[in-house]
Amino acid sequence: MIDYRGIASYLLEAEIAFILSEDIEGPITGEQVLSKTKWILPALEIIDSRYENFAFALLDVIADNTYASRVVFGEKLYSPNEFDLESIEVSMFFNGQKRVSGVSSEVLGNPENSVAMLANMLCMNKQQKLNKNTIILTGGITEAVLLQKGDHVVTEYAGMNQVSFRIK
């Protein structure tokens, strides 16, 4: 259940989450990330905003501690080698009607590139690394969709189970 108190609105994005099998330090490529990934799984990121209609500037996002709110994970873990990670099709249904769809290549050509970019940015800026067993959300495959009270969301990932939830 999502609590609407203090939040002007929520958005939803379909993503692929990566769980690392070992520490990752940049510089690294997407292909190298894949070899260090234990599992992938479907995920839905719920984004919140205290700003009406998500109208804000970068400094607002920083002051608000970004706008990540919640995540709903699929129930099954998958080996990343089971998939062509750049061509996972996703369809999102709201109350039984298809609202949006996308393909995982929308995430920097391949979601593994998103993890590589994060590792490389951490390496450049602070000599940090991504730790084994870290769960990383790779970015929106679909456009962000506004959630409403009463919505029942079912998201289908090709070759993976559905991820669903209801807002009460």
C-alpha atoms as a PDB file:
ATOM      1  CA  MET A   1       0.000   0.000   0.000  1.00  0.00           C
ATOM      2  CA  ILE A   2       1.265   3.483  -0.857  1.00  0.00           C
ATOM      3  CA  ASP A   3       0.627   6.328   1.591  1.00  0.00           C
ATOM      4  CA  TYR A   4      -0.122   9.624  -0.177  1.00  0.00           C
ATOM      5  CA  ARG A   5       0.336  11.920   2.853  1.00  0.00           C
ATOM      6  CA  GLY A   6       2.868  14.658   2.161  1.00  0.00           C
ATOM      7  CA  ILE A   7       3.433  13.599  -1.435  1.00  0.00           C
ATOM      8  CA  ALA A   8       1.955  15.536  -4.335  1.00  0.00           C
ATOM      9  CA  SER A   9       2.200  12.639  -6.791  1.00  0.00           C
ATOM     10  CA  TYR A  10       3.854   9.320  -7.635  1.00  0.00           C
ATOM     11  CA  LEU A  11       5.259   8.058 -10.926  1.00  0.00           C
ATOM     12  CA  LEU A  12       6.148   4.510 -11.920  1.00  0.00           C
ATOM     13  CA  GLU A  13       8.934   3.168 -14.170  1.00  0.00           C
ATOM     14  CA  ALA A  14       9.697  -0.401 -15.246  1.00  0.00           C
ATOM     15  CA  GLU A  15      13.350  -1.347 -14.790  1.00  0.00           C
ATOM     16  CA  ILE A  16      15.765  -4.285 -14.642  1.00  0.00           C
ATOM     17  CA  ALA A  17      17.648  -4.743 -11.359  1.00  0.00           C
ATOM     18  CA  PHE A  18      21.139  -6.267 -11.226  1.00  0.00           C
ATOM     19  CA  ILE A  19      22.571  -8.146  -8.226  1.00  0.00           C
ATOM     20  CA  LEU A  20      26.357  -8.303  -8.313  1.00  0.00           C
ATOM     21  CA  SER A  21      28.322 -11.537  -7.795  1.00  0.00           C
ATOM     22  CA  GLU A  22      31.500  -9.659  -6.905  1.00  0.00           C
ATOM     23  CA  ASP A  23      32.769  -6.149  -6.238  1.00  0.00           C
ATOM     24  CA  ILE A  24      32.976  -3.888  -9.285  1.00  0.00           C
ATOM     25  CA  GLU A  25      35.426  -1.041  -9.706  1.00  0.00           C
ATOM     26  CA  GLY A  26      35.734   1.241 -12.675  1.00  0.00           C
ATOM     27  CA  PRO A  27      36.885   1.663 -15.282  1.00  0.00           C
ATOM     28  CA  ILE A  28      34.714  -1.163 -16.568  1.00  0.00           C
ATOM     29  CA  THR A  29      32.598  -1.974 -19.632  1.00  0.00           C
ATOM     30  CA  GLY A  30      29.032  -3.247 -19.774  1.00  0.00           C
ATOM     31  CA  GLU A  31      30.294  -6.622 -20.975  1.00  0.00           C
ATOM     32  CA  GLN A  32      32.589  -6.873 -17.954  1.00  0.00           C
ATOM     33  CA  VAL A  33      29.669  -5.930 -15.670  1.00  0.00           C
ATOM     34  CA  LEU A  34      27.681  -8.835 -17.070  1.00  0.00           C
ATOM     35  CA  SER A  35      30.422 -11.280 -16.085  1.00  0.00           C
ATOM     36  CA  LYS A  36      30.238  -9.930 -12.515  1.00  0.00           C
ATOM     37  CA  THR A  37      26.438 -10.086 -12.248  1.00  0.00           C
ATOM     38  CA  LYS A  38      24.893 -12.969 -10.321  1.00  0.00           C
ATOM     39  CA  TRP A  39      21.211 -12.249 -10.939  1.00  0.00           C
ATOM     40  CA  ILE A  40      18.836  -9.915 -12.705  1.00  0.00           C
ATOM     41  CA  LEU A  41      15.180  -9.396 -11.863  1.00  0.00           C
ATOM     42  CA  PRO A  42      12.281  -7.234 -12.965  1.00  0.00           C
ATOM     43  CA  ALA A  43      11.623  -4.174 -10.820  1.00  0.00           C
ATOM     44  CA  LEU A  44       9.174  -1.281 -10.636  1.00  0.00           C
ATOM     45  CA  GLU A  45      10.534   1.992  -9.272  1.00  0.00           C
ATOM     46  CA  ILE A  46       8.000   4.249  -7.593  1.00  0.00           C
ATOM     47  CA  ILE A  47       9.111   7.866  -7.785  1.00  0.00           C
ATOM     48  CA  ASP A  48       7.657  10.497  -5.477  1.00  0.00           C
ATOM     49  CA  SER A  49       7.611  14.263  -5.560  1.00  0.00           C
ATOM     50  CA  ARG A  50       6.476  16.922  -3.186  1.00  0.00           C
ATOM     51  CA  TYR A  51       6.284  19.220  -6.209  1.00  0.00           C
ATOM     52  CA  GLU A  52       2.994  19.385  -8.073  1.00  0.00           C
ATOM     53  CA  ASN A  53       3.220  17.809 -11.552  1.00  0.00           C
ATOM     54  CA  PHE A  54       6.901  16.994 -10.958  1.00  0.00           C
ATOM     55  CA  ALA A  55       7.789  20.621 -11.734  1.00  0.00           C
ATOM     56  CA  PHE A  56      11.186  21.139 -10.102  1.00  0.00           C
ATOM     57  CA  ALA A  57      14.782  22.123 -10.795  1.00  0.00           C
ATOM     58  CA  LEU A  58      17.924  20.095 -10.089  1.00  0.00           C
ATOM     59  CA  LEU A  59      18.506  21.898  -6.784  1.00  0.00           C
ATOM     60  CA  ASP A  60      14.954  20.979  -5.701  1.00  0.00           C
ATOM     61  CA  VAL A  61      15.718  17.284  -6.320  1.00  0.00           C
ATOM     62  CA  ILE A  62      18.918  17.533  -4.283  1.00  0.00           C
ATOM     63  CA  ALA A  63      17.164  19.357  -1.426  1.00  0.00           C
ATOM     64  CA  ASP A  64      14.383  16.755  -1.481  1.00  0.00           C
ATOM     65  CA  ASN A  65      16.988  13.929  -1.267  1.00  0.00           C
ATOM     66  CA  THR A  66      16.134  12.878  -4.862  1.00  0.00           C
ATOM     67  CA  TYR A  67      12.732  11.505  -5.691  1.00  0.00           C
ATOM     68  CA  ALA A  68      13.197   7.763  -5.301  1.00  0.00           C
ATOM     69  CA  SER A  69      10.491   6.430  -3.030  1.00  0.00           C
ATOM     70  CA  ARG A  70       9.931   2.678  -3.276  1.00  0.00           C
ATOM     71  CA  VAL A  71      10.657  -0.344  -5.405  1.00  0.00           C
ATOM     72  CA  VAL A  72       8.623  -3.472  -6.104  1.00  0.00           C
ATOM     73  CA  PHE A  73      10.735  -6.455  -7.157  1.00  0.00           C
ATOM     74  CA  GLY A  74       9.686  -9.514  -9.099  1.00  0.00           C
ATOM     75  CA  GLU A  75       9.561 -12.737  -7.127  1.00  0.00           C
ATOM     76  CA  LYS A  76      12.135 -14.697  -9.161  1.00  0.00           C
ATOM     77  CA  LEU A  77      15.834 -14.177  -9.795  1.00  0.00           C
ATOM     78  CA  TYR A  78      17.204 -14.885 -13.291  1.00  0.00           C
ATOM     79  CA  SER A  79      20.665 -15.613 -14.582  1.00  0.00           C
ATOM     80  CA  PRO A  80      21.694 -12.696 -16.815  1.00  0.00           C
ATOM     81  CA  ASN A  81      22.983 -15.240 -19.350  1.00  0.00           C
ATOM     82  CA  GLU A  82      19.405 -16.434 -19.982  1.00  0.00           C
ATOM     83  CA  PHE A  83      18.550 -13.184 -21.793  1.00  0.00           C
ATOM     84  CA  ASP A  84      19.600 -10.885 -24.553  1.00  0.00           C
ATOM     85  CA  LEU A  85      19.624  -7.982 -22.106  1.00  0.00           C
ATOM     86  CA  GLU A  86      19.154  -5.331 -24.763  1.00  0.00           C
ATOM     87  CA  SER A  87      15.891  -6.764 -26.078  1.00  0.00           C
ATOM     88  CA  ILE A  88      13.671  -7.517 -23.058  1.00  0.00           C
ATOM     89  CA  GLU A  89      10.194  -6.256 -23.920  1.00  0.00           C
ATOM     90  CA  VAL A  90       8.090  -4.725 -21.157  1.00  0.00           C
ATOM     91  CA  SER A  91       4.366  -3.842 -21.113  1.00  0.00           C
ATOM     92  CA  MET A  92       2.669  -2.015 -18.245  1.00  0.00           C
ATOM     93  CA  PHE A  93      -1.071  -2.395 -17.651  1.00  0.00           C
ATOM     94  CA  PHE A  94      -3.140  -0.123 -15.423  1.00  0.00           C
ATOM     95  CA  ASN A  95      -6.523  -1.499 -14.368  1.00  0.00           C
ATOM     96  CA  GLY A  96      -6.440  -4.029 -17.211  1.00  0.00           C
ATOM     97  CA  GLN A  97      -5.506  -1.570 -19.971  1.00  0.00           C
ATOM     98  CA  LYS A  98      -2.089  -1.343 -21.589  1.00  0.00           C
ATOM     99  CA  ARG A  99      -0.646   2.073 -20.786  1.00  0.00           C
ATOM    100  CA  VAL A 100       3.011   1.950 -21.888  1.00  0.00           C
ATOM    101  CA  SER A 101       5.601  -0.427 -23.268  1.00  0.00           C
ATOM    102  CA  GLY A 102       9.299  -0.398 -23.990  1.00  0.00           C
ATOM    103  CA  VAL A 103      12.417  -2.416 -24.674  1.00  0.00           C
ATOM    104  CA  SER A 104      15.422  -2.675 -22.371  1.00  0.00           C
ATOM    105  CA  SER A 105      17.684  -1.123 -25.033  1.00  0.00           C
ATOM    106  CA  GLU A 106      16.084   2.185 -23.973  1.00  0.00           C
ATOM    107  CA  VAL A 107      18.497   2.057 -21.019  1.00  0.00           C
ATOM    108  CA  LEU A 108      21.771   3.272 -22.572  1.00  0.00           C
ATOM    109  CA  GLY A 109      21.513   0.638 -25.316  1.00  0.00           C
ATOM    110  CA  ASN A 110      21.679  -2.152 -22.706  1.00  0.00           C
ATOM    111  CA  PRO A 111      21.020  -2.053 -18.923  1.00  0.00           C
ATOM    112  CA  GLU A 112      24.506  -3.464 -18.251  1.00  0.00           C
ATOM    113  CA  ASN A 113      25.869  -0.144 -19.590  1.00  0.00           C
ATOM    114  CA  SER A 114      23.995   1.676 -16.839  1.00  0.00           C
ATOM    115  CA  VAL A 115      25.794  -0.354 -14.153  1.00  0.00           C
ATOM    116  CA  ALA A 116      29.130   0.264 -15.894  1.00  0.00           C
ATOM    117  CA  MET A 117      28.417   3.991 -16.030  1.00  0.00           C
ATOM    118  CA  LEU A 118      27.663   4.050 -12.293  1.00  0.00           C
ATOM    119  CA  ALA A 119      30.846   2.121 -11.443  1.00  0.00           C
ATOM    120  CA  ASN A 120      32.909   4.403 -13.670  1.00  0.00           C
ATOM    121  CA  MET A 121      31.421   7.558 -12.129  1.00  0.00           C
ATOM    122  CA  LEU A 122      32.114   6.290  -8.615  1.00  0.00           C
ATOM    123  CA  CYS A 123      35.683   5.468  -9.577  1.00  0.00           C
ATOM    124  CA  MET A 124      36.261   8.891 -11.161  1.00  0.00           C
ATOM    125  CA  ASN A 125      34.768  10.923  -8.347  1.00  0.00           C
ATOM    126  CA  LYS A 126      35.606   9.179  -5.106  1.00  0.00           C
ATOM    127  CA  GLN A 127      37.544   5.992  -5.781  1.00  0.00           C
ATOM    128  CA  GLN A 128      34.556   3.970  -4.586  1.00  0.00           C
ATOM    129  CA  LYS A 129      33.312   0.624  -5.825  1.00  0.00           C
ATOM    130  CA  LEU A 130      30.041  -1.269  -6.114  1.00  0.00           C
ATOM    131  CA  ASN A 131      29.968  -4.073  -3.571  1.00  0.00           C
ATOM    132  CA  LYS A 132      29.095  -7.736  -4.063  1.00  0.00           C
ATOM    133  CA  ASN A 133      25.350  -8.431  -3.556  1.00  0.00           C
ATOM    134  CA  THR A 134      24.454  -4.788  -4.186  1.00  0.00           C
ATOM    135  CA  ILE A 135      21.100  -4.375  -5.953  1.00  0.00           C
ATOM    136  CA  ILE A 136      21.265  -1.775  -8.708  1.00  0.00           C
ATOM    137  CA  LEU A 137      18.270  -0.324 -10.545  1.00  0.00           C
ATOM    138  CA  THR A 138      19.436   0.418 -14.065  1.00  0.00           C
ATOM    139  CA  GLY A 139      16.924   3.035 -15.255  1.00  0.00           C
ATOM    140  CA  GLY A 140      13.513   3.334 -16.836  1.00  0.00           C
ATOM    141  CA  ILE A 141      12.665   1.019 -19.717  1.00  0.00           C
ATOM    142  CA  THR A 142       9.278   2.694 -19.996  1.00  0.00           C
ATOM    143  CA  GLU A 143       8.363   6.308 -19.627  1.00  0.00           C
ATOM    144  CA  ALA A 144       7.303   7.294 -16.114  1.00  0.00           C
ATOM    145  CA  VAL A 145       3.544   6.940 -15.621  1.00  0.00           C
ATOM    146  CA  LEU A 146       1.451   8.811 -13.050  1.00  0.00           C
ATOM    147  CA  LEU A 147      -0.089   6.577 -10.372  1.00  0.00           C
ATOM    148  CA  GLN A 148      -3.587   7.162  -8.995  1.00  0.00           C
ATOM    149  CA  LYS A 149      -5.331   5.842  -5.901  1.00  0.00           C
ATOM    150  CA  GLY A 150      -7.075   2.582  -6.751  1.00  0.00           C
ATOM    151  CA  ASP A 151      -4.709   1.643  -9.599  1.00  0.00           C
ATOM    152  CA  HIS A 152      -3.931  -2.034 -10.101  1.00  0.00           C
ATOM    153  CA  VAL A 153      -0.632  -2.247 -11.991  1.00  0.00           C
ATOM    154  CA  VAL A 154       0.561  -5.391 -13.770  1.00  0.00           C
ATOM    155  CA  THR A 155       3.855  -5.228 -15.639  1.00  0.00           C
ATOM    156  CA  GLU A 156       4.876  -8.018 -17.991  1.00  0.00           C
ATOM    157  CA  TYR A 157       8.553  -8.646 -18.757  1.00  0.00           C
ATOM    158  CA  ALA A 158       9.180 -10.961 -21.735  1.00  0.00           C
ATOM    159  CA  GLY A 159      10.623 -14.224 -20.439  1.00  0.00           C
ATOM    160  CA  MET A 160      10.161 -13.184 -16.811  1.00  0.00           C
ATOM    161  CA  ASN A 161       7.258 -13.271 -14.406  1.00  0.00           C
ATOM    162  CA  GLN A 162       4.890 -10.362 -13.972  1.00  0.00           C
ATOM    163  CA  VAL A 163       5.344  -7.723 -11.293  1.00  0.00           C
ATOM    164  CA  SER A 164       2.158  -6.275  -9.873  1.00  0.00           C
ATOM    165  CA  PHE A 165       0.727  -4.232  -7.026  1.00  0.00           C
ATOM    166  CA  ARG A 166      -2.407  -2.327  -6.103  1.00  0.00           C
ATOM    167  CA  ILE A 167      -2.738   1.147  -4.595  1.00  0.00           C
ATOM    168  CA  LYS A 168      -5.342   1.295  -1.862  1.00  0.00           C
END
